[in-house]
Amino acid sequence: LDILAKQQVRDGIARHALAELRTATKHGALDALRSDVGIVYAKGGPIAMAITVDEMPVTDYSPDNVGNVLIWELATVLVEELGAH
């Protein structure tokens, strides 16, 4: 977990995480796939998640590709719904 918490790439789950919101993540990518797994230490407790986006229509390794953005959006919903309590 300490190694995952030092992850420098923050394109998916931790994309726009608040500075006080600790995350521990590991991302992965293939041409048509983006994946991010990890733990978000939310106010209500830790939330473990694994999110994969497959069959992306365009190969795009930029930080703002549709897969990374969707992963962040889904992670945000999980944290808002599960982590606020």
C-alpha atoms as a PDB file:
ATOM      1  CA  LEU A   1       0.000   0.000   0.000  1.00  0.00           C
ATOM      2  CA  ASP A   2       2.884   2.369   0.698  1.00  0.00           C
ATOM      3  CA  ILE A   3       4.236   1.784  -2.810  1.00  0.00           C
ATOM      4  CA  LEU A   4       0.802   2.336  -4.358  1.00  0.00           C
ATOM      5  CA  ALA A   5       0.358   5.525  -2.327  1.00  0.00           C
ATOM      6  CA  LYS A   6       3.512   6.928  -3.954  1.00  0.00           C
ATOM      7  CA  GLN A   7       2.108   6.456  -7.462  1.00  0.00           C
ATOM      8  CA  GLN A   8       2.982   9.488  -9.586  1.00  0.00           C
ATOM      9  CA  VAL A   9       0.491   8.876 -12.428  1.00  0.00           C
ATOM     10  CA  ARG A  10      -2.841  10.342 -11.390  1.00  0.00           C
ATOM     11  CA  ASP A  11      -4.805  10.078 -14.633  1.00  0.00           C
ATOM     12  CA  GLY A  12      -7.661   7.842 -13.437  1.00  0.00           C
ATOM     13  CA  ILE A  13      -9.010   7.271  -9.920  1.00  0.00           C
ATOM     14  CA  ALA A  14      -6.877  10.010  -8.342  1.00  0.00           C
ATOM     15  CA  ARG A  15      -7.247  12.432 -11.273  1.00  0.00           C
ATOM     16  CA  HIS A  16      -8.680  15.372  -9.346  1.00  0.00           C
ATOM     17  CA  ALA A  17      -8.471  14.012  -5.812  1.00  0.00           C
ATOM     18  CA  LEU A  18      -8.309  16.663  -3.152  1.00  0.00           C
ATOM     19  CA  ALA A  19      -4.904  17.081  -1.544  1.00  0.00           C
ATOM     20  CA  GLU A  20      -6.243  15.827   1.792  1.00  0.00           C
ATOM     21  CA  LEU A  21      -7.793  12.718   0.176  1.00  0.00           C
ATOM     22  CA  ARG A  22      -5.186   9.947   0.290  1.00  0.00           C
ATOM     23  CA  THR A  23      -5.168   7.450  -2.569  1.00  0.00           C
ATOM     24  CA  ALA A  24      -3.171   4.309  -3.361  1.00  0.00           C
ATOM     25  CA  THR A  25      -3.529   3.276  -7.020  1.00  0.00           C
ATOM     26  CA  LYS A  26      -1.974   1.396  -9.940  1.00  0.00           C
ATOM     27  CA  HIS A  27      -2.947   2.064 -13.537  1.00  0.00           C
ATOM     28  CA  GLY A  28      -2.545  -0.010 -16.672  1.00  0.00           C
ATOM     29  CA  ALA A  29      -3.127   0.450 -20.387  1.00  0.00           C
ATOM     30  CA  LEU A  30      -3.298  -1.321 -23.710  1.00  0.00           C
ATOM     31  CA  ASP A  31      -4.182   0.318 -27.020  1.00  0.00           C
ATOM     32  CA  ALA A  32      -7.957  -0.012 -26.503  1.00  0.00           C
ATOM     33  CA  LEU A  33      -8.051  -0.441 -22.720  1.00  0.00           C
ATOM     34  CA  ARG A  34      -7.440   1.669 -19.628  1.00  0.00           C
ATOM     35  CA  SER A  35      -7.555   0.299 -16.102  1.00  0.00           C
ATOM     36  CA  ASP A  36      -6.985   1.663 -12.620  1.00  0.00           C
ATOM     37  CA  VAL A  37      -7.228  -0.140  -9.290  1.00  0.00           C
ATOM     38  CA  GLY A  38      -6.750   1.203  -5.834  1.00  0.00           C
ATOM     39  CA  ILE A  39      -8.013   2.478  -2.541  1.00  0.00           C
ATOM     40  CA  VAL A  40      -9.406   5.923  -1.806  1.00  0.00           C
ATOM     41  CA  TYR A  41      -9.244   6.843   1.867  1.00  0.00           C
ATOM     42  CA  ALA A  42     -12.501   8.766   2.116  1.00  0.00           C
ATOM     43  CA  LYS A  43     -14.099  10.425   5.140  1.00  0.00           C
ATOM     44  CA  GLY A  44     -16.354   7.425   5.755  1.00  0.00           C
ATOM     45  CA  GLY A  45     -13.556   4.876   5.401  1.00  0.00           C
ATOM     46  CA  PRO A  46     -11.441   3.284   2.691  1.00  0.00           C
ATOM     47  CA  ILE A  47     -13.054   2.424  -0.636  1.00  0.00           C
ATOM     48  CA  ALA A  48     -11.402  -0.239  -2.797  1.00  0.00           C
ATOM     49  CA  MET A  49     -12.164  -0.103  -6.502  1.00  0.00           C
ATOM     50  CA  ALA A  50     -11.054  -1.638  -9.786  1.00  0.00           C
ATOM     51  CA  ILE A  51     -12.286   0.074 -12.947  1.00  0.00           C
ATOM     52  CA  THR A  52     -11.527  -0.998 -16.518  1.00  0.00           C
ATOM     53  CA  VAL A  53     -12.630   0.677 -19.741  1.00  0.00           C
ATOM     54  CA  ASP A  54     -12.308  -1.583 -22.784  1.00  0.00           C
ATOM     55  CA  GLU A  55     -12.957  -1.282 -26.524  1.00  0.00           C
ATOM     56  CA  MET A  56     -11.868   2.346 -26.734  1.00  0.00           C
ATOM     57  CA  PRO A  57     -12.389   3.384 -30.364  1.00  0.00           C
ATOM     58  CA  VAL A  58      -9.167   5.425 -30.694  1.00  0.00           C
ATOM     59  CA  THR A  59      -5.676   4.622 -29.410  1.00  0.00           C
ATOM     60  CA  ASP A  60      -4.801   7.580 -27.213  1.00  0.00           C
ATOM     61  CA  TYR A  61      -2.157   7.469 -24.497  1.00  0.00           C
ATOM     62  CA  SER A  62      -2.640  11.089 -23.445  1.00  0.00           C
ATOM     63  CA  PRO A  63      -3.709  11.739 -19.834  1.00  0.00           C
ATOM     64  CA  ASP A  64      -7.047  13.092 -21.064  1.00  0.00           C
ATOM     65  CA  ASN A  65      -8.153  10.090 -23.120  1.00  0.00           C
ATOM     66  CA  VAL A  66     -11.775   9.019 -22.762  1.00  0.00           C
ATOM     67  CA  GLY A  67     -10.890   5.936 -20.713  1.00  0.00           C
ATOM     68  CA  ASN A  68      -9.024   7.856 -18.025  1.00  0.00           C
ATOM     69  CA  VAL A  69     -11.738  10.492 -17.842  1.00  0.00           C
ATOM     70  CA  LEU A  70     -14.456   7.841 -17.483  1.00  0.00           C
ATOM     71  CA  ILE A  71     -12.464   6.051 -14.768  1.00  0.00           C
ATOM     72  CA  TRP A  72     -12.194   9.328 -12.845  1.00  0.00           C
ATOM     73  CA  GLU A  73     -15.925  10.037 -13.265  1.00  0.00           C
ATOM     74  CA  LEU A  74     -16.875   6.566 -11.994  1.00  0.00           C
ATOM     75  CA  ALA A  75     -14.429   6.820  -9.075  1.00  0.00           C
ATOM     76  CA  THR A  76     -15.912  10.206  -8.161  1.00  0.00           C
ATOM     77  CA  VAL A  77     -19.419   8.708  -8.006  1.00  0.00           C
ATOM     78  CA  LEU A  78     -18.175   5.850  -5.806  1.00  0.00           C
ATOM     79  CA  VAL A  79     -16.438   8.217  -3.395  1.00  0.00           C
ATOM     80  CA  GLU A  80     -19.403  10.589  -3.233  1.00  0.00           C
ATOM     81  CA  GLU A  81     -21.908   7.791  -2.623  1.00  0.00           C
ATOM     82  CA  LEU A  82     -19.867   5.480  -0.389  1.00  0.00           C
ATOM     83  CA  GLY A  83     -17.308   7.684   1.285  1.00  0.00           C
ATOM     84  CA  ALA A  84     -19.280  10.567   2.710  1.00  0.00           C
ATOM     85  CA  HIS A  85     -20.700   8.689   5.691  1.00  0.00           C
END
